[in-house]
């Protein structure tokens, strides 16, 4: 399923050897409330949404 989410606030990310190994951010879909998004799935708490693929649009 694809969700278009506007990132709200700071994106917390970790890179190792040039590869993204962790990302967490608050985001808001076009309709709804802000929620927590996390990748990889093993880092997800109950209140987080798992990210399986991430594409960035805009600047």
N, C-alpha and C. Protein backbone atom coordinates (compact mmCIF):
# COMPACT_ATOMS: atom_id res chain seq x y z
N UNK A 1 0.84 -1.17 0.00
CA UNK A 1 0.00 0.00 0.00
C UNK A 1 0.89 1.24 0.00
N UNK A 2 0.53 2.25 -0.74
CA UNK A 2 1.30 3.47 -0.88
C UNK A 2 0.65 4.58 -0.06
N UNK A 3 1.43 5.30 0.71
CA UNK A 3 0.94 6.44 1.47
C UNK A 3 1.79 7.65 1.15
N UNK A 4 1.15 8.75 0.79
CA UNK A 4 1.85 10.01 0.61
C UNK A 4 1.79 10.73 1.95
N UNK A 5 2.95 11.01 2.52
CA UNK A 5 3.03 11.58 3.86
C UNK A 5 3.87 12.84 3.82
N UNK A 6 3.39 13.89 4.46
CA UNK A 6 4.18 15.10 4.63
C UNK A 6 4.97 14.96 5.92
N UNK A 7 6.28 15.08 5.82
CA UNK A 7 7.14 14.96 7.00
C UNK A 7 7.01 16.24 7.81
N UNK A 8 6.78 16.06 9.11
CA UNK A 8 6.64 17.19 10.02
C UNK A 8 7.78 17.15 11.03
N UNK A 9 8.64 18.11 11.01
CA UNK A 9 9.74 18.15 11.97
C UNK A 9 10.99 17.48 11.44
N UNK A 10 11.88 17.17 12.37
CA UNK A 10 13.19 16.61 12.03
C UNK A 10 13.11 15.13 11.68
N UNK A 11 13.90 14.73 10.69
CA UNK A 11 14.03 13.32 10.33
C UNK A 11 15.26 12.79 11.05
N UNK A 12 15.07 11.73 11.83
CA UNK A 12 16.18 11.10 12.55
C UNK A 12 16.62 9.90 11.73
N UNK A 13 17.88 9.92 11.30
CA UNK A 13 18.36 8.82 10.46
C UNK A 13 19.79 8.45 10.83
N UNK A 14 20.15 7.21 10.52
CA UNK A 14 21.50 6.71 10.77
C UNK A 14 22.01 6.03 9.51
N UNK A 15 23.24 6.35 9.14
CA UNK A 15 23.89 5.74 7.98
C UNK A 15 25.13 4.98 8.44
N UNK A 16 25.38 3.83 7.82
CA UNK A 16 26.61 3.08 8.03
C UNK A 16 27.18 2.71 6.67
N UNK A 17 28.42 3.07 6.42
CA UNK A 17 29.08 2.80 5.14
C UNK A 17 28.26 3.33 3.96
N UNK A 18 27.65 4.50 4.13
CA UNK A 18 26.89 5.13 3.06
C UNK A 18 25.50 4.55 2.83
N UNK A 19 25.07 3.59 3.66
CA UNK A 19 23.74 2.99 3.51
C UNK A 19 22.85 3.40 4.67
N UNK A 20 21.61 3.71 4.36
CA UNK A 20 20.63 4.04 5.39
C UNK A 20 20.32 2.79 6.20
N UNK A 21 20.49 2.86 7.52
CA UNK A 21 20.21 1.70 8.36
C UNK A 21 19.09 1.95 9.35
N UNK A 22 18.66 3.22 9.50
CA UNK A 22 17.55 3.54 10.41
C UNK A 22 16.99 4.89 10.03
N UNK A 23 15.65 5.02 10.09
CA UNK A 23 15.00 6.32 9.90
C UNK A 23 13.73 6.36 10.74
N UNK A 24 13.47 7.53 11.32
CA UNK A 24 12.27 7.75 12.12
C UNK A 24 11.83 9.19 11.87
N UNK A 25 10.52 9.39 11.68
CA UNK A 25 10.00 10.75 11.52
C UNK A 25 8.51 10.78 11.83
N UNK A 26 8.04 11.98 12.17
CA UNK A 26 6.60 12.21 12.31
C UNK A 26 6.10 12.65 10.95
N UNK A 27 4.99 12.10 10.53
CA UNK A 27 4.42 12.47 9.24
C UNK A 27 2.92 12.53 9.31
N UNK A 28 2.35 13.23 8.34
CA UNK A 28 0.89 13.39 8.31
C UNK A 28 0.38 13.09 6.91
N UNK A 29 -0.53 12.11 6.79
CA UNK A 29 -1.15 11.86 5.49
C UNK A 29 -2.08 13.01 5.13
N UNK A 30 -2.54 13.09 3.88
CA UNK A 30 -3.42 14.18 3.47
C UNK A 30 -4.67 14.30 4.36
N UNK A 31 -5.19 13.18 4.81
CA UNK A 31 -6.34 13.18 5.71
C UNK A 31 -5.95 12.37 6.94
N UNK A 32 -6.01 12.98 8.09
CA UNK A 32 -5.67 12.24 9.31
C UNK A 32 -4.74 13.03 10.20
N UNK A 33 -4.24 12.34 11.20
CA UNK A 33 -3.38 12.97 12.20
C UNK A 33 -1.92 12.59 11.99
N UNK A 34 -1.04 13.30 12.63
CA UNK A 34 0.39 13.00 12.56
C UNK A 34 0.67 11.69 13.27
N UNK A 35 1.58 10.89 12.70
CA UNK A 35 1.93 9.61 13.28
C UNK A 35 3.42 9.37 13.12
N UNK A 36 3.93 8.37 13.82
CA UNK A 36 5.36 8.02 13.78
C UNK A 36 5.58 6.98 12.69
N UNK A 37 6.62 7.19 11.87
CA UNK A 37 7.01 6.23 10.84
C UNK A 37 8.43 5.78 11.10
N UNK A 38 8.69 4.47 11.01
CA UNK A 38 9.98 3.91 11.37
C UNK A 38 10.42 2.85 10.37
N UNK A 39 11.72 2.83 10.06
CA UNK A 39 12.34 1.75 9.30
C UNK A 39 13.69 1.48 9.90
N UNK A 40 14.11 0.27 10.09
CA UNK A 40 13.53 -1.00 9.64
C UNK A 40 12.41 -1.48 10.56
N UNK A 41 11.64 -2.47 10.10
CA UNK A 41 10.50 -2.95 10.87
C UNK A 41 10.86 -3.45 12.27
N UNK A 42 12.08 -3.94 12.48
CA UNK A 42 12.46 -4.46 13.79
C UNK A 42 12.53 -3.37 14.85
N UNK A 43 12.58 -2.10 14.43
CA UNK A 43 12.67 -1.00 15.38
C UNK A 43 11.30 -0.43 15.74
N UNK A 44 10.24 -1.01 15.23
CA UNK A 44 8.90 -0.44 15.40
C UNK A 44 8.32 -0.75 16.77
N UNK A 45 7.79 0.29 17.38
CA UNK A 45 7.01 0.12 18.59
C UNK A 45 5.54 0.09 18.19
N UNK A 46 4.67 -0.17 19.12
CA UNK A 46 3.24 -0.30 18.81
C UNK A 46 2.68 0.91 18.08
N UNK A 47 3.13 2.11 18.45
CA UNK A 47 2.55 3.32 17.86
C UNK A 47 3.15 3.71 16.51
N UNK A 48 4.15 2.95 16.04
CA UNK A 48 4.81 3.31 14.79
C UNK A 48 4.28 2.56 13.59
N UNK A 49 4.45 3.14 12.42
CA UNK A 49 4.11 2.50 11.15
C UNK A 49 5.39 1.99 10.52
N UNK A 50 5.36 0.79 10.01
CA UNK A 50 6.52 0.20 9.37
C UNK A 50 6.67 0.77 7.96
N UNK A 51 7.89 1.15 7.61
CA UNK A 51 8.20 1.61 6.26
C UNK A 51 8.89 0.46 5.54
N UNK A 52 8.35 0.03 4.42
CA UNK A 52 9.00 -1.02 3.64
C UNK A 52 9.76 -0.45 2.46
N UNK A 53 9.37 0.72 1.99
CA UNK A 53 10.07 1.40 0.90
C UNK A 53 9.82 2.88 1.07
N UNK A 54 10.82 3.68 0.77
CA UNK A 54 10.73 5.12 0.97
C UNK A 54 11.17 5.85 -0.27
N UNK A 55 10.35 6.76 -0.77
CA UNK A 55 10.73 7.64 -1.87
C UNK A 55 10.48 9.06 -1.42
N UNK A 56 11.41 9.96 -1.76
CA UNK A 56 11.31 11.35 -1.33
C UNK A 56 10.98 12.21 -2.53
N UNK A 57 9.97 13.07 -2.36
CA UNK A 57 9.55 13.99 -3.40
C UNK A 57 9.70 15.40 -2.87
N UNK A 58 10.10 16.33 -3.69
CA UNK A 58 10.24 17.71 -3.28
C UNK A 58 11.62 17.99 -2.71
N UNK A 59 11.73 19.13 -2.03
CA UNK A 59 13.02 19.52 -1.47
C UNK A 59 12.92 19.81 0.00
